[in-house]
């Protein structure tokens, strides 16, 4: 559901050319919440565009910051953050008083 809503939002903002990469990277962040924090855990999504840069943030209640594991070709898990690193303009994770926020940016003029 989140992927479709973000794709629609980006098209509404006339930056639909970012939709494929943005929704792929969003899926990676949301999958990390599901796997590492747990199904049904609290999380929120924020999407911002300032005219030149898109920022997507996923917050959750777990204080543990993500670390890229660089999974191998046959590994089922471990390549998600490597994908984020490769495709995002920038990305990061910041500790919050009640958890963390993991984010990425993509360049794109609106």
C-alpha atoms as a PDB file:
ATOM      1  CA  UNK A   1       0.000   0.000   0.000  1.00  0.00           C
ATOM      2  CA  UNK A   2       2.762   2.489   0.910  1.00  0.00           C
ATOM      3  CA  UNK A   3       4.550   1.945  -2.401  1.00  0.00           C
ATOM      4  CA  UNK A   4       1.420   2.761  -4.408  1.00  0.00           C
ATOM      5  CA  UNK A   5       0.672   5.834  -2.331  1.00  0.00           C
ATOM      6  CA  UNK A   6       4.221   7.153  -2.707  1.00  0.00           C
ATOM      7  CA  UNK A   7       4.182   6.479  -6.445  1.00  0.00           C
ATOM      8  CA  UNK A   8       0.892   8.382  -6.767  1.00  0.00           C
ATOM      9  CA  UNK A   9       2.260  11.255  -4.675  1.00  0.00           C
ATOM     10  CA  UNK A  10       5.400  11.560  -6.808  1.00  0.00           C
ATOM     11  CA  UNK A  11       3.345  11.615  -9.986  1.00  0.00           C
ATOM     12  CA  UNK A  12       1.116  14.296  -8.446  1.00  0.00           C
ATOM     13  CA  UNK A  13       4.249  16.323  -7.650  1.00  0.00           C
ATOM     14  CA  UNK A  14       5.342  15.839 -11.300  1.00  0.00           C
ATOM     15  CA  UNK A  15       8.428  13.830 -10.331  1.00  0.00           C
ATOM     16  CA  UNK A  16       7.142  10.471 -11.504  1.00  0.00           C
ATOM     17  CA  UNK A  17      10.561   9.705 -12.997  1.00  0.00           C
ATOM     18  CA  UNK A  18      11.729   9.042  -9.417  1.00  0.00           C
ATOM     19  CA  UNK A  19       8.886   6.645  -8.615  1.00  0.00           C
ATOM     20  CA  UNK A  20      10.552   3.347  -9.576  1.00  0.00           C
ATOM     21  CA  UNK A  21      13.712   3.933  -7.556  1.00  0.00           C
ATOM     22  CA  UNK A  22      11.898   5.612  -4.656  1.00  0.00           C
ATOM     23  CA  UNK A  23       9.396   2.778  -4.244  1.00  0.00           C
ATOM     24  CA  UNK A  24      12.125   0.133  -4.518  1.00  0.00           C
ATOM     25  CA  UNK A  25      14.194   1.807  -1.797  1.00  0.00           C
ATOM     26  CA  UNK A  26      11.109   2.392   0.331  1.00  0.00           C
ATOM     27  CA  UNK A  27      10.363  -1.324   0.097  1.00  0.00           C
ATOM     28  CA  UNK A  28      13.844  -2.079   1.402  1.00  0.00           C
ATOM     29  CA  UNK A  29      13.393   0.225   4.401  1.00  0.00           C
ATOM     30  CA  UNK A  30       9.946  -1.144   5.214  1.00  0.00           C
ATOM     31  CA  UNK A  31      11.188  -4.723   4.839  1.00  0.00           C
ATOM     32  CA  UNK A  32      13.919  -3.945   7.371  1.00  0.00           C
ATOM     33  CA  UNK A  33      11.271  -2.776   9.840  1.00  0.00           C
ATOM     34  CA  UNK A  34       9.309  -5.978   9.308  1.00  0.00           C
ATOM     35  CA  UNK A  35      12.330  -8.266   9.656  1.00  0.00           C
ATOM     36  CA  UNK A  36      14.344  -6.502  12.351  1.00  0.00           C
ATOM     37  CA  UNK A  37      11.678  -4.765  14.437  1.00  0.00           C
ATOM     38  CA  UNK A  38       8.780  -7.154  13.897  1.00  0.00           C
ATOM     39  CA  UNK A  39       5.432  -7.467  12.166  1.00  0.00           C
ATOM     40  CA  UNK A  40       2.842  -5.028  13.445  1.00  0.00           C
ATOM     41  CA  UNK A  41       5.475  -2.820  15.067  1.00  0.00           C
ATOM     42  CA  UNK A  42       4.932   0.914  15.126  1.00  0.00           C
ATOM     43  CA  UNK A  43       6.432   2.853  12.235  1.00  0.00           C
ATOM     44  CA  UNK A  44       5.730   5.974  10.201  1.00  0.00           C
ATOM     45  CA  UNK A  45       6.547   7.220   6.726  1.00  0.00           C
ATOM     46  CA  UNK A  46       7.397  10.790   5.690  1.00  0.00           C
ATOM     47  CA  UNK A  47       7.938  11.952   2.089  1.00  0.00           C
ATOM     48  CA  UNK A  48       9.206  15.452   1.301  1.00  0.00           C
ATOM     49  CA  UNK A  49      10.223  17.241  -1.887  1.00  0.00           C
ATOM     50  CA  UNK A  50      11.830  20.692  -1.903  1.00  0.00           C
ATOM     51  CA  UNK A  51      11.975  21.188  -5.659  1.00  0.00           C
ATOM     52  CA  UNK A  52      15.370  19.563  -6.154  1.00  0.00           C
ATOM     53  CA  UNK A  53      15.584  16.700  -3.673  1.00  0.00           C
ATOM     54  CA  UNK A  54      13.170  13.982  -2.574  1.00  0.00           C
ATOM     55  CA  UNK A  55      13.574  12.709   1.004  1.00  0.00           C
ATOM     56  CA  UNK A  56      11.843   9.560   2.228  1.00  0.00           C
ATOM     57  CA  UNK A  57      11.961   8.670   5.935  1.00  0.00           C
ATOM     58  CA  UNK A  58      10.823   5.592   7.834  1.00  0.00           C
ATOM     59  CA  UNK A  59      10.638   5.860  11.622  1.00  0.00           C
ATOM     60  CA  UNK A  60      10.267   2.993  14.055  1.00  0.00           C
ATOM     61  CA  UNK A  61      10.480   2.388  17.794  1.00  0.00           C
ATOM     62  CA  UNK A  62      13.641   0.240  17.756  1.00  0.00           C
ATOM     63  CA  UNK A  63      16.789   2.127  18.813  1.00  0.00           C
ATOM     64  CA  UNK A  64      19.154  -0.244  16.944  1.00  0.00           C
ATOM     65  CA  UNK A  65      20.592   1.517  13.888  1.00  0.00           C
ATOM     66  CA  UNK A  66      20.884  -0.460  10.643  1.00  0.00           C
ATOM     67  CA  UNK A  67      24.206  -1.599   9.249  1.00  0.00           C
ATOM     68  CA  UNK A  68      24.851  -2.786   5.727  1.00  0.00           C
ATOM     69  CA  UNK A  69      25.871  -6.460   5.688  1.00  0.00           C
ATOM     70  CA  UNK A  70      26.574  -6.695   1.965  1.00  0.00           C
ATOM     71  CA  UNK A  71      25.031 -10.136   1.477  1.00  0.00           C
ATOM     72  CA  UNK A  72      26.454 -12.559  -1.044  1.00  0.00           C
ATOM     73  CA  UNK A  73      24.855 -13.658  -4.293  1.00  0.00           C
ATOM     74  CA  UNK A  74      23.168 -16.686  -2.731  1.00  0.00           C
ATOM     75  CA  UNK A  75      22.135 -15.007   0.529  1.00  0.00           C
ATOM     76  CA  UNK A  76      18.414 -14.500   1.052  1.00  0.00           C
ATOM     77  CA  UNK A  77      18.984 -11.384   3.162  1.00  0.00           C
ATOM     78  CA  UNK A  78      21.624  -8.698   3.568  1.00  0.00           C
ATOM     79  CA  UNK A  79      21.638  -6.808   0.282  1.00  0.00           C
ATOM     80  CA  UNK A  80      18.885  -4.257   0.964  1.00  0.00           C
ATOM     81  CA  UNK A  81      20.994  -1.473   2.427  1.00  0.00           C
ATOM     82  CA  UNK A  82      23.669  -2.086  -0.199  1.00  0.00           C
ATOM     83  CA  UNK A  83      20.967  -1.413  -2.776  1.00  0.00           C
ATOM     84  CA  UNK A  84      19.983   1.766  -0.929  1.00  0.00           C
ATOM     85  CA  UNK A  85      23.647   2.824  -0.856  1.00  0.00           C
ATOM     86  CA  UNK A  86      23.977   2.289  -4.612  1.00  0.00           C
ATOM     87  CA  UNK A  87      20.770   3.949  -5.789  1.00  0.00           C
ATOM     88  CA  UNK A  88      20.164   6.777  -3.315  1.00  0.00           C
ATOM     89  CA  UNK A  89      21.840  10.144  -3.624  1.00  0.00           C
ATOM     90  CA  UNK A  90      22.384  10.018   0.156  1.00  0.00           C
ATOM     91  CA  UNK A  91      21.035   7.859   2.948  1.00  0.00           C
ATOM     92  CA  UNK A  92      21.433   7.503   6.674  1.00  0.00           C
ATOM     93  CA  UNK A  93      19.968   6.554  10.005  1.00  0.00           C
ATOM     94  CA  UNK A  94      19.548   8.804  13.013  1.00  0.00           C
ATOM     95  CA  UNK A  95      18.815   7.853  16.601  1.00  0.00           C
ATOM     96  CA  UNK A  96      15.709   9.410  18.110  1.00  0.00           C
ATOM     97  CA  UNK A  97      14.602   9.527  21.760  1.00  0.00           C
ATOM     98  CA  UNK A  98      11.954   6.881  21.004  1.00  0.00           C
ATOM     99  CA  UNK A  99      13.619   4.835  18.232  1.00  0.00           C
ATOM    100  CA  UNK A 100      15.233   5.809  14.948  1.00  0.00           C
ATOM    101  CA  UNK A 101      14.633   7.244  11.507  1.00  0.00           C
ATOM    102  CA  UNK A 102      16.172   5.683   8.399  1.00  0.00           C
ATOM    103  CA  UNK A 103      16.079   7.895   5.323  1.00  0.00           C
ATOM    104  CA  UNK A 104      17.253   8.328   1.766  1.00  0.00           C
ATOM    105  CA  UNK A 105      17.305  11.153  -0.740  1.00  0.00           C
ATOM    106  CA  UNK A 106      17.004  11.201  -4.513  1.00  0.00           C
ATOM    107  CA  UNK A 107      17.747  14.149  -6.746  1.00  0.00           C
ATOM    108  CA  UNK A 108      15.007  15.309  -9.028  1.00  0.00           C
ATOM    109  CA  UNK A 109      13.621  18.611 -10.218  1.00  0.00           C
ATOM    110  CA  UNK A 110       9.915  19.126  -9.858  1.00  0.00           C
END
